[in-house]
Amino acid sequence: AASYDRLARFELADRAYAAAVHLGGETPATLNNLGYSYMLRGDLKAARAKFMKALAGDPDNPKIVNNLRLLNASYQYIARSVDR
């Protein structure tokens, strides 16, 4: 799924994420990757929801914490762009 994200083939990424969730459940790692996928697409609300769910399952995971920081930076960048 992450490889499809890098290629911007999000419809294929969605299928791969759905298969991963079906096989292994909504693990923090899968939720984190899904959140990142949504962030790449510009769906920051969905990204935050997935990151927060991932963080609830693994609160000390540095990758999840870092992705939330990236997401927050994205919000700040968008807010500054609108103000200009």
Protein backbone atom coordinates (compact mmCIF):
# COMPACT_ATOMS: atom_id res chain seq x y z
CA ALA A 1 0.00 0.00 0.00
CA ALA A 2 2.78 2.42 0.88
CA SER A 3 4.40 1.78 -2.50
CA TYR A 4 1.16 2.69 -4.22
CA ASP A 5 1.01 5.84 -2.09
CA ARG A 6 4.45 6.85 -3.37
CA LEU A 7 3.21 6.39 -6.93
CA ALA A 8 0.03 8.38 -6.15
CA ARG A 9 -2.05 5.32 -7.04
CA PHE A 10 -4.39 5.85 -4.14
CA GLU A 11 -7.18 3.61 -5.45
CA LEU A 12 -4.74 0.68 -5.38
CA ALA A 13 -3.37 1.78 -2.01
CA ASP A 14 -6.92 1.72 -0.61
CA ARG A 15 -7.36 -1.87 -1.76
CA ALA A 16 -4.05 -2.89 -0.23
CA TYR A 17 -4.85 -1.16 3.09
CA ALA A 18 -8.27 -2.83 3.17
CA ALA A 19 -6.60 -6.21 2.65
CA ALA A 20 -4.07 -5.47 5.41
CA VAL A 21 -6.84 -4.51 7.84
CA HIS A 22 -8.81 -7.61 6.87
CA LEU A 23 -5.79 -9.85 7.52
CA GLY A 24 -4.31 -8.21 10.60
CA GLY A 25 -6.87 -5.80 11.98
CA GLU A 26 -6.44 -2.11 12.60
CA THR A 27 -2.95 -2.20 14.09
CA PRO A 28 -1.22 1.04 15.06
CA ALA A 29 1.24 0.55 12.19
CA THR A 30 -1.51 0.10 9.62
CA LEU A 31 -3.50 3.04 10.99
CA ASN A 32 -0.36 5.20 10.91
CA ASN A 33 0.29 4.29 7.29
CA LEU A 34 -3.33 4.96 6.40
CA GLY A 35 -3.07 8.34 8.08
CA TYR A 36 0.02 9.15 6.07
CA SER A 37 -1.77 8.09 2.90
CA TYR A 38 -4.63 10.47 3.66
CA MET A 39 -2.14 13.23 4.42
CA LEU A 40 -0.52 12.72 1.01
CA ARG A 41 -3.94 13.06 -0.60
CA GLY A 42 -4.62 16.30 1.26
CA ASP A 43 -7.41 14.82 3.41
CA LEU A 44 -6.02 16.19 6.66
CA LYS A 45 -9.16 15.48 8.69
CA ALA A 46 -9.12 11.77 7.83
CA ALA A 47 -5.35 11.70 8.39
CA ARG A 48 -5.73 13.11 11.90
CA ALA A 49 -8.44 10.58 12.75
CA LYS A 50 -6.22 7.67 11.69
CA PHE A 51 -3.13 9.07 13.46
CA MET A 52 -5.09 9.61 16.68
CA LYS A 53 -6.46 6.08 16.58
CA ALA A 54 -2.94 4.75 15.95
CA LEU A 55 -1.58 6.84 18.82
CA ALA A 56 -4.22 5.47 21.17
CA GLY A 57 -2.97 1.95 20.39
CA ASP A 58 0.74 2.83 20.68
CA PRO A 59 1.22 6.15 22.48
CA ASP A 60 5.02 6.00 22.56
CA ASN A 61 5.52 5.23 18.87
CA PRO A 62 7.90 7.90 17.50
CA LYS A 63 6.72 7.42 13.90
CA ILE A 64 3.13 8.19 14.82
CA VAL A 65 4.18 11.18 16.94
CA ASN A 66 6.33 12.49 14.08
CA ASN A 67 3.51 12.08 11.55
CA LEU A 68 1.21 14.09 13.83
CA ARG A 69 3.87 16.82 13.92
CA LEU A 70 4.01 16.80 10.12
CA LEU A 71 0.24 17.02 9.99
CA ASN A 72 0.22 19.96 12.38
CA ALA A 73 2.85 21.69 10.24
CA SER A 74 0.62 21.12 7.21
CA TYR A 75 -2.27 22.83 8.97
CA GLN A 76 -0.04 25.78 9.89
CA TYR A 77 1.24 26.08 6.31
CA ILE A 78 -2.31 26.06 4.93
CA ALA A 79 -3.44 28.65 7.47
CA ARG A 80 -0.54 30.96 6.52
CA SER A 81 -1.26 30.49 2.81
CA VAL A 82 -4.87 31.53 3.29
CA ASP A 83 -3.85 34.59 5.33
CA ARG A 84 -1.61 35.92 2.56
